[in-house]
Amino acid sequence: MAISDHLIERIHQTKQNSNHGFFDKIKTKRWVKDLYETLFLTQNNNTEEQLKRSFKALRETLSEQINTVTGDQDSTEKQVNQFFESLSDLYDQLVLDAKSIVEFDPAADSLEEVYLAYPGFFATYVYRISHQLWSQKVKIVPRIISEYAHSKTGIDIHPGATIGKSFFIDHGTGIVIGETTVIGNNVKIYQGVTLGALNVSKEKAHQKRHPNIEDDVIIYSGATILGGETTIGRESIIGGNVWITQDVPANSLVYHKSEIKIKDNTSLPESLTFVI
């Protein structure tokens, strides 16, 4: 069946009325990748002149993408300048993040290995640059950047979250960190952790919905911590597969105890038998 002229007209009008013009997501993703390679990988841009050319191209691309959203070249120039002025501090933070992986992950031998092979570090890098743009009130672009990391690593960190120094993600797949989450320094998070909201009502869009994680906390795989009024106290250890919706005092150990039985599989109970 042919697409109706009425549907084509409706789609055309919607696109014409968009406030954001034509936004090239592919170019934004390429910018994220190119900036990462310029900052951390040694295969390219090994001379100072090459680095200068790379940063010039990166500035031009970011300017083009922000201007597509704002339509204001003066505002765009200020935003781009602010971002690249912050890049030195972002770089220092990311080096600390990488060093924490080398320090605490027995499988990591060097910073170079972290830069080349660790999805948790890549997701942290994407978070830090998207958070910087988010804090500058840049629209759309930070969300596109963060979703790129989500699709690439399986780690979903909202750019509005606040994360301190020396952040450690191990494995990482399935991690979700919500918009109003506040994470302190030296926090370690393993795969499958959710830092989410208790209530997803739209009326709470501008309220604190996600938990606070204080300094030096370790959260093991599969843990779920919910609620804007929930705080995990400093130096606590949160075991795997726990469900937390209330405050945890500092220096606590929270764990879920399950019973595991090992039996001879030649005499399964009737309730476990099945037929396909």
Protein backbone atom coordinates (compact mmCIF):
# COMPACT_ATOMS: atom_id res chain seq x y z
CA MET A 1 0.00 0.00 0.00
CA ALA A 2 1.36 3.44 -0.93
CA ILE A 3 2.05 6.01 1.76
CA SER A 4 -0.75 8.58 1.77
CA ASP A 5 -0.11 12.17 0.74
CA HIS A 6 -1.76 13.25 3.99
CA LEU A 7 0.85 11.39 6.09
CA ILE A 8 3.70 12.78 4.01
CA GLU A 9 2.32 16.28 4.48
CA ARG A 10 2.01 15.84 8.26
CA ILE A 11 5.58 14.54 8.56
CA HIS A 12 6.88 17.37 6.40
CA GLN A 13 5.11 20.01 8.50
CA THR A 14 6.43 18.49 11.74
CA LYS A 15 9.99 18.61 10.45
CA GLN A 16 9.58 22.14 9.18
CA ASN A 17 8.31 23.26 12.59
CA SER A 18 11.19 21.66 14.51
CA ASN A 19 13.14 24.02 16.76
CA HIS A 20 16.37 22.15 16.24
CA GLY A 21 16.91 22.14 12.49
CA PHE A 22 18.74 19.22 10.97
CA PHE A 23 20.90 17.58 13.60
CA ASP A 24 23.58 15.16 12.35
CA LYS A 25 23.85 12.46 15.03
CA ILE A 26 26.50 10.59 13.07
CA LYS A 27 28.75 13.66 13.02
CA THR A 28 28.30 14.09 16.78
CA LYS A 29 29.25 10.48 17.45
CA ARG A 30 32.30 10.86 15.24
CA TRP A 31 33.24 13.99 17.22
CA VAL A 32 33.06 12.02 20.49
CA LYS A 33 35.28 9.30 19.03
CA ASP A 34 37.77 11.77 17.53
CA LEU A 35 38.08 13.73 20.78
CA TYR A 36 38.72 10.49 22.69
CA GLU A 37 41.43 9.43 20.27
CA THR A 38 43.03 12.88 20.38
CA LEU A 39 43.11 12.88 24.18
CA PHE A 40 44.15 9.31 24.89
CA LEU A 41 45.28 7.17 21.97
CA THR A 42 48.81 7.30 20.59
CA GLN A 43 48.16 5.88 17.13
CA ASN A 44 47.44 9.36 15.73
CA ASN A 45 48.22 12.99 16.50
CA ASN A 46 51.68 12.34 17.89
CA THR A 47 53.17 15.75 17.17
CA GLU A 48 52.15 19.07 18.67
CA GLU A 49 51.22 20.40 15.23
CA GLN A 50 48.97 17.40 14.58
CA LEU A 51 47.30 17.91 17.96
CA LYS A 52 46.67 21.58 17.21
CA ARG A 53 45.08 20.71 13.88
CA SER A 54 42.93 18.05 15.52
CA PHE A 55 41.67 20.41 18.21
CA LYS A 56 40.91 23.06 15.59
CA ALA A 57 38.78 20.55 13.67
CA LEU A 58 37.09 19.41 16.89
CA ARG A 59 36.19 23.01 17.75
CA GLU A 60 34.68 23.56 14.31
CA THR A 61 32.56 20.41 14.50
CA LEU A 62 31.26 21.16 18.00
CA SER A 63 30.45 24.72 16.94
CA GLU A 64 28.49 23.44 13.97
CA GLN A 65 26.50 21.01 16.11
CA ILE A 66 25.66 23.50 18.86
CA ASN A 67 24.74 26.19 16.33
CA THR A 68 22.32 23.76 14.69
CA VAL A 69 20.45 23.66 18.00
CA THR A 70 20.71 27.30 19.08
CA GLY A 71 20.76 29.13 15.75
CA ASP A 72 22.80 31.80 17.54
CA GLN A 73 26.44 32.05 16.43
CA ASP A 74 27.50 34.39 19.27
CA SER A 75 26.02 32.10 21.91
CA THR A 76 27.55 29.09 20.17
CA GLU A 77 31.02 30.66 20.22
CA LYS A 78 30.75 31.29 23.96
CA GLN A 79 29.62 27.71 24.59
CA VAL A 80 32.45 26.23 22.53
CA ASN A 81 35.04 28.45 24.21
CA GLN A 82 33.74 27.48 27.65
CA PHE A 83 33.90 23.78 26.79
CA PHE A 84 37.46 23.86 25.51
CA GLU A 85 38.57 26.02 28.45
CA SER A 86 37.25 23.28 30.74
CA LEU A 87 39.00 20.50 28.80
CA SER A 88 42.21 20.67 30.84
CA ASP A 89 40.31 19.97 34.08
CA LEU A 90 38.23 17.27 32.36
CA TYR A 91 41.41 15.60 31.14
CA ASP A 92 42.91 15.61 34.67
CA GLN A 93 39.70 14.08 36.07
CA LEU A 94 39.71 11.37 33.42
CA VAL A 95 43.33 10.46 34.07
CA LEU A 96 42.39 9.97 37.74
CA ASP A 97 39.47 7.76 36.65
CA ALA A 98 41.83 5.66 34.51
CA LYS A 99 44.39 5.40 37.31
CA SER A 100 41.70 4.12 39.70
CA ILE A 101 41.00 1.28 37.27
CA VAL A 102 44.69 0.37 37.08
CA GLU A 103 44.93 0.52 40.87
CA PHE A 104 41.91 -1.58 41.74
CA ASP A 105 41.35 -3.93 38.80
CA PRO A 106 43.87 -6.80 38.93
CA ALA A 107 43.27 -7.42 35.21
CA ALA A 108 44.45 -3.92 34.22
CA ASP A 109 48.19 -3.63 33.58
CA SER A 110 48.54 -0.06 32.31
CA LEU A 111 46.80 3.18 31.48
CA GLU A 112 47.23 2.37 27.79
CA GLU A 113 45.24 -0.83 28.26
CA VAL A 114 42.46 1.10 30.01
CA TYR A 115 42.31 3.67 27.21
CA LEU A 116 42.21 0.99 24.52
CA ALA A 117 40.01 -1.71 26.03
CA TYR A 118 37.85 -0.61 28.97
CA PRO A 119 34.22 0.27 28.18
CA GLY A 120 33.72 1.56 31.73
CA PHE A 121 36.37 4.20 31.17
CA PHE A 122 34.94 5.17 27.79
CA ALA A 123 31.50 5.58 29.38
CA THR A 124 33.03 7.75 32.12
CA TYR A 125 34.77 9.87 29.48
CA VAL A 126 31.49 10.37 27.62
CA TYR A 127 29.74 11.23 30.88
CA ARG A 128 32.31 13.88 31.81
CA ILE A 129 32.20 15.70 28.46
CA SER A 130 28.41 15.47 28.21
CA HIS A 131 28.04 16.68 31.82
CA GLN A 132 30.20 19.70 31.03
CA LEU A 133 27.94 20.64 28.12
CA TRP A 134 24.85 19.91 30.23
CA SER A 135 26.12 22.25 32.96
CA GLN A 136 26.56 24.94 30.28
CA LYS A 137 22.85 24.56 29.44
CA VAL A 138 23.61 23.20 25.97
CA LYS A 139 20.52 21.35 24.76
CA ILE A 140 20.19 18.09 22.80
CA VAL A 141 23.94 17.62 22.21
CA PRO A 142 24.76 16.16 25.68
CA ARG A 143 21.90 13.68 25.36
CA ILE A 144 23.06 12.54 21.94
CA ILE A 145 26.58 12.12 23.32
CA SER A 146 25.42 10.11 26.35
CA GLU A 147 23.21 7.85 24.25
CA TYR A 148 26.20 7.09 22.04
CA ALA A 149 28.04 5.67 25.06
CA HIS A 150 24.89 3.82 26.12
CA SER A 151 24.59 2.10 22.74
CA LYS A 152 28.32 1.34 22.59
CA THR A 153 28.91 0.10 26.16
CA GLY A 154 25.52 -0.77 27.69
CA ILE A 155 26.22 1.83 30.40
CA ASP A 156 23.56 4.55 30.74
CA ILE A 157 24.74 7.64 32.63
CA HIS A 158 22.55 10.72 32.37
CA PRO A 159 24.65 13.85 31.69
CA GLY A 160 22.86 15.62 34.54
CA ALA A 161 24.28 13.27 37.18
CA THR A 162 27.06 14.56 39.44
CA ILE A 163 30.08 12.25 39.81
CA GLY A 164 33.20 12.95 41.85
CA LYS A 165 36.86 12.11 41.30
CA SER A 166 38.46 8.70 40.71
CA PHE A 167 35.26 7.00 39.54
CA PHE A 168 35.68 3.27 38.92
CA ILE A 169 33.37 1.19 36.73
CA ASP A 170 34.22 -2.51 36.41
CA HIS A 171 32.71 -4.43 33.47
CA GLY A 172 29.83 -1.98 33.45
CA THR A 173 27.17 -3.56 31.25
CA GLY A 174 23.69 -2.74 32.51
CA ILE A 175 24.64 0.16 34.78
CA VAL A 176 22.01 2.93 34.97
CA ILE A 177 22.72 6.25 36.71
CA GLY A 178 19.84 8.71 36.75
CA GLU A 179 19.80 12.45 36.15
CA THR A 180 19.81 13.72 39.76
CA THR A 181 22.19 11.12 41.17
CA VAL A 182 25.07 12.54 43.23
CA ILE A 183 28.17 10.36 43.56
CA GLY A 184 31.17 11.27 45.70
CA ASN A 185 34.88 10.57 45.26
CA ASN A 186 36.54 7.15 44.95
CA VAL A 187 33.30 5.28 44.31
CA LYS A 188 33.38 1.86 42.65
CA ILE A 189 30.42 0.41 40.77
CA TYR A 190 30.09 -3.01 39.16
CA GLN A 191 27.88 -4.27 36.34
CA GLY A 192 24.10 -4.23 36.54
CA VAL A 193 23.83 -1.50 39.20
CA THR A 194 20.82 0.84 39.05
CA LEU A 195 20.81 4.25 40.74
CA GLY A 196 17.26 5.18 39.92
CA ALA A 197 14.03 6.90 40.93
CA LEU A 198 11.28 5.50 43.13
CA ASN A 199 8.64 7.46 41.25
CA VAL A 200 8.82 8.26 37.53
CA SER A 201 5.90 10.69 37.55
CA LYS A 202 6.38 13.60 35.14
CA GLU A 203 5.42 16.01 37.91
CA LYS A 204 8.73 15.14 39.62
CA ALA A 205 10.82 16.11 36.58
CA HIS A 206 12.50 19.01 38.39
CA GLN A 207 12.86 17.34 41.78
CA LYS A 208 15.64 15.24 43.29
CA ARG A 209 14.66 11.73 42.23
CA HIS A 210 17.86 9.68 42.39
CA PRO A 211 20.09 8.63 45.30
CA ASN A 212 23.23 10.08 46.85
CA ILE A 213 26.36 7.92 47.07
CA GLU A 214 28.99 9.29 49.42
CA ASP A 215 32.79 8.94 49.18
CA ASP A 216 34.59 5.58 49.07
CA VAL A 217 31.45 3.45 48.57
CA ILE A 218 31.60 0.12 46.72
CA ILE A 219 28.43 -1.13 44.99
CA TYR A 220 28.55 -4.70 43.71
CA SER A 221 26.77 -6.17 40.71
CA GLY A 222 23.00 -6.19 40.44
CA ALA A 223 22.35 -3.77 43.31
CA THR A 224 19.38 -1.41 42.96
CA ILE A 225 19.34 1.85 44.92
CA LEU A 226 16.30 4.10 44.46
CA GLY A 227 14.94 7.46 45.59
CA GLY A 228 16.02 11.07 45.85
CA GLU A 229 16.07 10.94 49.64
CA THR A 230 18.20 7.79 49.79
CA THR A 231 21.82 8.26 50.85
CA ILE A 232 24.50 5.59 51.03
CA GLY A 233 26.94 6.66 53.73
CA ARG A 234 30.66 6.93 53.09
CA GLU A 235 32.87 3.83 53.10
CA SER A 236 29.88 1.50 52.91
CA ILE A 237 29.87 -1.73 50.93
CA ILE A 238 26.67 -2.63 49.08
CA GLY A 239 26.53 -6.31 48.17
CA GLY A 240 25.18 -7.79 44.98
CA ASN A 241 21.46 -8.02 44.18
CA VAL A 242 20.25 -5.89 47.10
CA TRP A 243 17.28 -3.52 46.83
CA ILE A 244 17.66 -0.28 48.81
CA THR A 245 15.12 2.55 49.23
CA GLN A 246 16.29 4.00 52.56
CA ASP A 247 19.41 5.59 54.02
CA VAL A 248 22.41 3.43 54.79
CA PRO A 249 24.70 4.74 57.57
CA ALA A 250 28.40 5.27 56.94
CA ASN A 251 30.71 2.24 57.22
CA SER A 252 27.85 -0.22 56.65
CA LEU A 253 27.84 -3.60 54.96
CA VAL A 254 24.57 -4.37 53.16
CA TYR A 255 24.09 -7.80 51.64
CA HIS A 256 21.43 -10.20 50.43
CA LYS A 257 21.67 -13.73 51.79
CA SER A 258 20.23 -16.48 49.62
CA GLU A 259 20.23 -20.22 50.14
CA ILE A 260 21.97 -22.40 47.58
CA LYS A 261 21.54 -26.18 47.61
CA ILE A 262 23.65 -28.63 45.64
CA LYS A 263 22.15 -32.08 45.06
CA ASP A 264 22.64 -35.09 42.86
CA ASN A 265 20.91 -34.25 39.56
CA THR A 266 19.81 -37.85 39.03
CA SER A 267 16.99 -37.40 41.54
CA LEU A 268 15.39 -34.05 40.76
CA PRO A 269 12.23 -33.15 42.67
CA GLU A 270 9.02 -33.43 40.68
CA SER A 271 8.57 -29.63 40.66
CA LEU A 272 11.74 -29.20 38.59
CA THR A 273 10.84 -31.64 35.83
CA PHE A 274 9.52 -30.25 32.57
CA VAL A 275 8.89 -31.24 28.98
CA ILE A 276 9.66 -29.20 25.86
